PDB file of N, CA and C in Angstrom:
ATOM      1  N   MET A   1      89.745 115.999 131.927  1.00  0.00           N
ATOM      2  CA  MET A   1      89.521 115.912 130.503  1.00  0.00           C
ATOM      3  C   MET A   1      88.028 115.695 130.267  1.00  0.00           C
ATOM      4  N   LYS A   2      87.435 116.519 129.425  1.00  0.00           N
ATOM      5  CA  LYS A   2      86.015 116.425 129.139  1.00  0.00           C
ATOM      6  C   LYS A   2      85.736 115.262 128.192  1.00  0.00           C
ATOM      7  N   LEU A   3      84.462 114.923 128.078  1.00  0.00           N
ATOM      8  CA  LEU A   3      84.062 113.821 127.212  1.00  0.00           C
ATOM      9  C   LEU A   3      84.418 114.093 125.760  1.00  0.00           C
ATOM     10  N   ASN A   4      84.180 115.333 125.285  1.00  0.00           N
ATOM     11  CA  ASN A   4      84.515 115.676 123.909  1.00  0.00           C
ATOM     12  C   ASN A   4      86.008 115.549 123.650  1.00  0.00           C
ATOM     13  N   GLU A   5      86.797 115.936 124.625  1.00  0.00           N
ATOM     14  CA  GLU A   5      88.248 115.827 124.462  1.00  0.00           C
ATOM     15  C   GLU A   5      88.691 114.374 124.374  1.00  0.00           C
ATOM     16  N   LYS A   6      88.058 113.515 125.149  1.00  0.00           N
ATOM     17  CA  LYS A   6      88.418 112.099 125.079  1.00  0.00           C
ATOM     18  C   LYS A   6      88.120 111.540 123.700  1.00  0.00           C
ATOM     19  N   TRP A   7      87.003 111.945 123.116  1.00  0.00           N
ATOM     20  CA  TRP A   7      86.691 111.477 121.768  1.00  0.00           C
ATOM     21  C   TRP A   7      87.712 111.976 120.760  1.00  0.00           C
ATOM     22  N   ILE A   8      88.175 113.206 120.938  1.00  0.00           N
ATOM     23  CA  ILE A   8      89.199 113.737 120.036  1.00  0.00           C
ATOM     24  C   ILE A   8      90.482 112.937 120.191  1.00  0.00           C
ATOM     25  N   VAL A   9      90.856 112.634 121.431  1.00  0.00           N
ATOM     26  CA  VAL A   9      92.085 111.872 121.668  1.00  0.00           C
ATOM     27  C   VAL A   9      91.973 110.481 121.048  1.00  0.00           C
ATOM     28  N   TYR A  10      90.875 109.799 121.304  1.00  0.00           N
ATOM     29  CA  TYR A  10      90.720 108.442 120.762  1.00  0.00           C
ATOM     30  C   TYR A  10      90.633 108.459 119.235  1.00  0.00           C
ATOM     31  N   GLY A  11      89.903 109.416 118.706  1.00  0.00           N
ATOM     32  CA  GLY A  11      89.825 109.542 117.246  1.00  0.00           C
ATOM     33  C   GLY A  11      91.167 109.874 116.634  1.00  0.00           C
ATOM     34  N   GLY A  12      91.920 110.746 117.301  1.00  0.00           N
ATOM     35  CA  GLY A  12      93.260 111.083 116.813  1.00  0.00           C
ATOM     36  C   GLY A  12      94.190 109.887 116.825  1.00  0.00           C
ATOM     37  N   TRP A  13      94.077 109.073 117.871  1.00  0.00           N
ATOM     38  CA  TRP A  13      94.907 107.861 117.931  1.00  0.00           C
ATOM     39  C   TRP A  13      94.560 106.912 116.798  1.00  0.00           C
ATOM     40  N   ILE A  14      93.277 106.757 116.513  1.00  0.00           N
ATOM     41  CA  ILE A  14      92.864 105.838 115.449  1.00  0.00           C
ATOM     42  C   ILE A  14      93.328 106.348 114.090  1.00  0.00           C
ATOM     43  N   VAL A  15      93.089 107.631 113.820  1.00  0.00           N
ATOM     44  CA  VAL A  15      93.518 108.205 112.542  1.00  0.00           C
ATOM     45  C   VAL A  15      95.038 108.165 112.428  1.00  0.00           C
ATOM     46  N   SER A  16      95.723 108.455 113.522  1.00  0.00           N
ATOM     47  CA  SER A  16      97.181 108.414 113.529  1.00  0.00           C
ATOM     48  C   SER A  16      97.688 107.006 113.244  1.00  0.00           C
ATOM     49  N   GLY A  17      97.125 106.023 113.920  1.00  0.00           N
ATOM     50  CA  GLY A  17      97.550 104.641 113.702  1.00  0.00           C
ATOM     51  C   GLY A  17      97.308 104.174 112.285  1.00  0.00           C
ATOM     52  N   LEU A  18      96.146 104.518 111.729  1.00  0.00           N
ATOM     53  CA  LEU A  18      95.849 104.135 110.350  1.00  0.00           C
ATOM     54  C   LEU A  18      96.775 104.836 109.365  1.00  0.00           C
ATOM     55  N   SER A  19      97.096 106.086 109.643  1.00  0.00           N
ATOM     56  CA  SER A  19      98.005 106.826 108.775  1.00  0.00           C
ATOM     57  C   SER A  19      99.413 106.225 108.799  1.00  0.00           C
ATOM     58  N   VAL A  20      99.879 105.858 109.982  1.00  0.00           N
ATOM     59  CA  VAL A  20     101.207 105.245 110.092  1.00  0.00           C
ATOM     60  C   VAL A  20     101.217 103.880 109.406  1.00  0.00           C
ATOM     61  N   LEU A  21     100.164 103.102 109.576  1.00  0.00           N
ATOM     62  CA  LEU A  21     100.097 101.797 108.907  1.00  0.00           C
ATOM     63  C   LEU A  21     100.064 101.957 107.389  1.00  0.00           C
ATOM     64  N   ALA A  22      99.297 102.913 106.899  1.00  0.00           N
ATOM     65  CA  ALA A  22      99.265 103.160 105.456  1.00  0.00           C
ATOM     66  C   ALA A  22     100.635 103.621 104.965  1.00  0.00           C
ATOM     67  N   GLY A  23     101.290 104.479 105.737  1.00  0.00           N
ATOM     68  CA  GLY A  23     102.623 104.937 105.355  1.00  0.00           C
ATOM     69  C   GLY A  23     103.630 103.804 105.330  1.00  0.00           C
ATOM     70  N   ALA A  24     103.524 102.893 106.292  1.00  0.00           N
ATOM     71  CA  ALA A  24     104.443 101.754 106.323  1.00  0.00           C
ATOM     72  C   ALA A  24     104.224 100.845 105.111  1.00  0.00           C
ATOM     73  N   ALA A  25     102.992 100.753 104.656  1.00  0.00           N
ATOM     74  CA  ALA A  25     102.712  99.925 103.476  1.00  0.00           C
ATOM     75  C   ALA A  25     103.308 100.543 102.219  1.00  0.00           C
ATOM     76  N   PHE A  26     103.413 101.868 102.169  1.00  0.00           N
ATOM     77  CA  PHE A  26     103.949 102.539 100.981  1.00  0.00           C
ATOM     78  C   PHE A  26     105.467 102.634 100.973  1.00  0.00           C
ATOM     79  N   ILE A  27     106.145 102.371 102.067  1.00  0.00           N
ATOM     80  CA  ILE A  27     107.595 102.568 102.123  1.00  0.00           C
ATOM     81  C   ILE A  27     108.345 101.582 101.228  1.00  0.00           C
ATOM     82  N   TRP A  28     107.884 100.374 101.144  1.00  0.00           N
ATOM     83  CA  TRP A  28     108.682  99.326 100.529  1.00  0.00           C
ATOM     84  C   TRP A  28     108.869  99.400  99.023  1.00  0.00           C
ATOM     85  N   PRO A  29     107.838  99.616  98.171  1.00  0.00           N
ATOM     86  CA  PRO A  29     107.968  99.333  96.740  1.00  0.00           C
ATOM     87  C   PRO A  29     109.034 100.128  95.973  1.00  0.00           C
ATOM     88  N   HIS A  30     108.909 101.426  95.854  1.00  0.00           N
ATOM     89  CA  HIS A  30     109.818 102.232  95.042  1.00  0.00           C
ATOM     90  C   HIS A  30     110.135 103.526  95.777  1.00  0.00           C
ATOM     91  N   PHE A  31     111.148 104.220  95.304  1.00  0.00           N
ATOM     92  CA  PHE A  31     111.604 105.429  95.994  1.00  0.00           C
ATOM     93  C   PHE A  31     110.518 106.505  96.041  1.00  0.00           C
ATOM     94  N   HIS A  32     109.890 106.789  94.909  1.00  0.00           N
ATOM     95  CA  HIS A  32     108.900 107.857  94.884  1.00  0.00           C
ATOM     96  C   HIS A  32     107.657 107.493  95.687  1.00  0.00           C
ATOM     97  N   VAL A  33     107.314 106.243  95.695  1.00  0.00           N
ATOM     98  CA  VAL A  33     106.187 105.789  96.507  1.00  0.00           C
ATOM     99  C   VAL A  33     106.586 105.824  97.986  1.00  0.00           C
ATOM    100  N   ALA A  34     107.856 105.571  98.268  1.00  0.00           N
ATOM    101  CA  ALA A  34     108.347 105.612  99.646  1.00  0.00           C
ATOM    102  C   ALA A  34     108.230 107.019 100.227  1.00  0.00           C
ATOM    103  N   LEU A  35     108.379 108.043  99.383  1.00  0.00           N
ATOM    104  CA  LEU A  35     108.207 109.415  99.868  1.00  0.00           C
ATOM    105  C   LEU A  35     106.792 109.621 100.396  1.00  0.00           C
ATOM    106  N   LEU A  36     105.811 109.067  99.698  1.00  0.00           N
ATOM    107  CA  LEU A  36     104.436 109.138 100.174  1.00  0.00           C
ATOM    108  C   LEU A  36     104.300 108.422 101.524  1.00  0.00           C
ATOM    109  N   GLY A  37     104.978 107.295 101.677  1.00  0.00           N
ATOM    110  CA  GLY A  37     104.960 106.570 102.942  1.00  0.00           C
ATOM    111  C   GLY A  37     105.532 107.394 104.078  1.00  0.00           C
ATOM    112  N   PHE A  38     106.644 108.072 103.820  1.00  0.00           N
ATOM    113  CA  PHE A  38     107.249 108.910 104.854  1.00  0.00           C
ATOM    114  C   PHE A  38     106.327 110.067 105.239  1.00  0.00           C
ATOM    115  N   VAL A  39     105.670 110.660 104.250  1.00  0.00           N
ATOM    116  CA  VAL A  39     104.740 111.758 104.526  1.00  0.00           C
ATOM    117  C   VAL A  39     103.571 111.256 105.372  1.00  0.00           C
ATOM    118  N   LEU A  40     103.025 110.087 105.052  1.00  0.00           N
ATOM    119  CA  LEU A  40     101.909 109.548 105.831  1.00  0.00           C
ATOM    120  C   LEU A  40     102.328 109.220 107.263  1.00  0.00           C
ATOM    121  N   ILE A  41     103.520 108.686 107.429  1.00  0.00           N
ATOM    122  CA  ILE A  41     104.001 108.400 108.789  1.00  0.00           C
ATOM    123  C   ILE A  41     104.198 109.697 109.562  1.00  0.00           C
ATOM    124  N   TYR A  42     104.771 110.707 108.915  1.00  0.00           N
ATOM    125  CA  TYR A  42     104.965 112.009 109.567  1.00  0.00           C
ATOM    126  C   TYR A  42     103.617 112.610 109.968  1.00  0.00           C
ATOM    127  N   MET A  43     102.643 112.551 109.067  1.00  0.00           N
ATOM    128  CA  MET A  43     101.311 113.085 109.377  1.00  0.00           C
ATOM    129  C   MET A  43     100.673 112.312 110.528  1.00  0.00           C
ATOM    130  N   GLY A  44     100.882 110.999 110.563  1.00  0.00           N
ATOM    131  CA  GLY A  44     100.348 110.205 111.659  1.00  0.00           C
ATOM    132  C   GLY A  44     100.920 110.615 112.997  1.00  0.00           C
ATOM    133  N   VAL A  45     102.211 110.873 113.037  1.00  0.00           N
ATOM    134  CA  VAL A  45     102.855 111.314 114.286  1.00  0.00           C
ATOM    135  C   VAL A  45     102.348 112.691 114.682  1.00  0.00           C
ATOM    136  N   ARG A  46     102.188 113.608 113.718  1.00  0.00           N
ATOM    137  CA  ARG A  46     101.686 114.949 114.019  1.00  0.00           C
ATOM    138  C   ARG A  46     100.251 114.902 114.532  1.00  0.00           C
ATOM    139  N   ILE A  47      99.414 114.056 113.940  1.00  0.00           N
ATOM    140  CA  ILE A  47      98.027 113.914 114.402  1.00  0.00           C
ATOM    141  C   ILE A  47      98.013 113.362 115.815  1.00  0.00           C
ATOM    142  N   PHE A  48      98.873 112.376 116.093  1.00  0.00           N
ATOM    143  CA  PHE A  48      98.946 111.813 117.441  1.00  0.00           C
ATOM    144  C   PHE A  48      99.337 112.892 118.447  1.00  0.00           C
ATOM    145  N   ASN A  49     100.360 113.681 118.123  1.00  0.00           N
ATOM    146  CA  ASN A  49     100.800 114.750 119.028  1.00  0.00           C
ATOM    147  C   ASN A  49      99.705 115.776 119.246  1.00  0.00           C
ATOM    148  N   PHE A  50      99.039 116.170 118.175  1.00  0.00           N
ATOM    149  CA  PHE A  50      97.998 117.189 118.276  1.00  0.00           C
ATOM    150  C   PHE A  50      96.823 116.706 119.120  1.00  0.00           C
ATOM    151  N   SER A  51      96.463 115.453 118.976  1.00  0.00           N
ATOM    152  CA  SER A  51      95.286 114.955 119.686  1.00  0.00           C
ATOM    153  C   SER A  51      95.592 114.531 121.118  1.00  0.00           C
ATOM    154  N   THR A  52      96.857 114.380 121.486  1.00  0.00           N
ATOM    155  CA  THR A  52      97.197 113.825 122.788  1.00  0.00           C
ATOM    156  C   THR A  52      97.682 114.856 123.797  1.00  0.00           C
ATOM    157  N   PHE A  53      98.603 115.716 123.425  1.00  0.00           N
ATOM    158  CA  PHE A  53      99.299 116.530 124.405  1.00  0.00           C
ATOM    159  C   PHE A  53      98.542 117.803 124.770  1.00  0.00           C
ATOM    160  N   LYS A  54      98.725 118.245 126.015  1.00  0.00           N
ATOM    161  CA  LYS A  54      98.005 119.398 126.554  1.00  0.00           C
ATOM    162  C   LYS A  54      98.420 120.714 125.915  1.00  0.00           C
ATOM    163  N   GLU A  55      99.589 120.791 125.345  1.00  0.00           N
ATOM    164  CA  GLU A  55     100.027 122.059 124.756  1.00  0.00           C
ATOM    165  C   GLU A  55      99.197 122.446 123.535  1.00  0.00           C
ATOM    166  N   TYR A  56      98.467 121.496 122.968  1.00  0.00           N
ATOM    167  CA  TYR A  56      97.609 121.767 121.819  1.00  0.00           C
ATOM    168  C   TYR A  56      96.141 121.891 122.207  1.00  0.00           C
ATOM    169  N   GLU A  57      95.852 121.973 123.494  1.00  0.00           N
ATOM    170  CA  GLU A  57      94.464 121.966 123.962  1.00  0.00           C
ATOM    171  C   GLU A  57      93.661 123.150 123.415  1.00  0.00           C
ATOM    172  N   GLU A  58      94.241 124.340 123.398  1.00  0.00           N
ATOM    173  CA  GLU A  58      93.531 125.511 122.881  1.00  0.00           C
ATOM    174  C   GLU A  58      93.214 125.357 121.401  1.00  0.00           C
ATOM    175  N   LYS A  59      94.158 124.840 120.644  1.00  0.00           N
ATOM    176  CA  LYS A  59      93.927 124.650 119.208  1.00  0.00           C
ATOM    177  C   LYS A  59      92.842 123.609 118.965  1.00  0.00           C
ATOM    178  N   ARG A  60      92.826 122.557 119.783  1.00  0.00           N
ATOM    179  CA  ARG A  60      91.769 121.544 119.657  1.00  0.00           C
ATOM    180  C   ARG A  60      90.407 122.159 119.915  1.00  0.00           C
ATOM    181  N   MET A  61      90.323 122.998 120.926  1.00  0.00           N
ATOM    182  CA  MET A  61      89.044 123.632 121.252  1.00  0.00           C
ATOM    183  C   MET A  61      88.599 124.583 120.140  1.00  0.00           C
ATOM    184  N   LYS A  62      89.546 125.297 119.525  1.00  0.00           N
ATOM    185  CA  LYS A  62      89.202 126.178 118.407  1.00  0.00           C
ATOM    186  C   LYS A  62      88.659 125.365 117.235  1.00  0.00           C
ATOM    187  N   ILE A  63      89.270 124.216 116.982  1.00  0.00           N
ATOM    188  CA  ILE A  63      88.784 123.361 115.895  1.00  0.00           C
ATOM    189  C   ILE A  63      87.390 122.834 116.204  1.00  0.00           C
ATOM    190  N   LEU A  64      87.157 122.436 117.462  1.00  0.00           N
ATOM    191  CA  LEU A  64      85.836 121.971 117.856  1.00  0.00           C
ATOM    192  C   LEU A  64      84.787 123.069 117.660  1.00  0.00           C
ATOM    193  N   GLU A  65      85.111 124.278 118.064  1.00  0.00           N
ATOM    194  CA  GLU A  65      84.165 125.388 117.912  1.00  0.00           C
ATOM    195  C   GLU A  65      83.873 125.671 116.445  1.00  0.00           C
ATOM    196  N   SER A  66      84.901 125.627 115.611  1.00  0.00           N
ATOM    197  CA  SER A  66      84.673 125.892 114.183  1.00  0.00           C
ATOM    198  C   SER A  66      83.853 124.764 113.548  1.00  0.00           C
ATOM    199  N   LEU A  67      84.029 123.538 114.006  1.00  0.00           N
ATOM    200  CA  LEU A  67      83.234 122.431 113.472  1.00  0.00           C
ATOM    201  C   LEU A  67      81.788 122.508 113.942  1.00  0.00           C
ATOM    202  N   ARG A  68      81.562 123.004 115.146  1.00  0.00           N
ATOM    203  CA  ARG A  68      80.192 123.161 115.640  1.00  0.00           C
ATOM    204  C   ARG A  68      79.445 124.211 114.845  1.00  0.00           C
ATOM    205  N   LYS A  69      80.120 125.270 114.430  1.00  0.00           N
ATOM    206  CA  LYS A  69      79.478 126.325 113.635  1.00  0.00           C
ATOM    207  C   LYS A  69      79.137 125.825 112.236  1.00  0.00           C
ATOM    208  N   TRP A  70      79.894 124.915 111.744  1.00  0.00           N
ATOM    209  CA  TRP A  70      79.718 124.411 110.393  1.00  0.00           C
ATOM    210  C   TRP A  70      78.545 123.523 110.361  1.00  0.00           C
TER     211      TRP A  70
END
């Protein structure tokens, strides 16, 4: 794993964790607000999967290349 990939993994874990925590905070109050909580938790899990597993390695590299051009 290259240095850039490690930063993506660690950054993905942090963003994922914050997203799940924010989603958990929104679940409790009301039904419509709870939907936002579920969406944030789902997004947190998807970000974690994308930043961690090898099956998404090509997509991560494409995103890195597009960000470098920007």
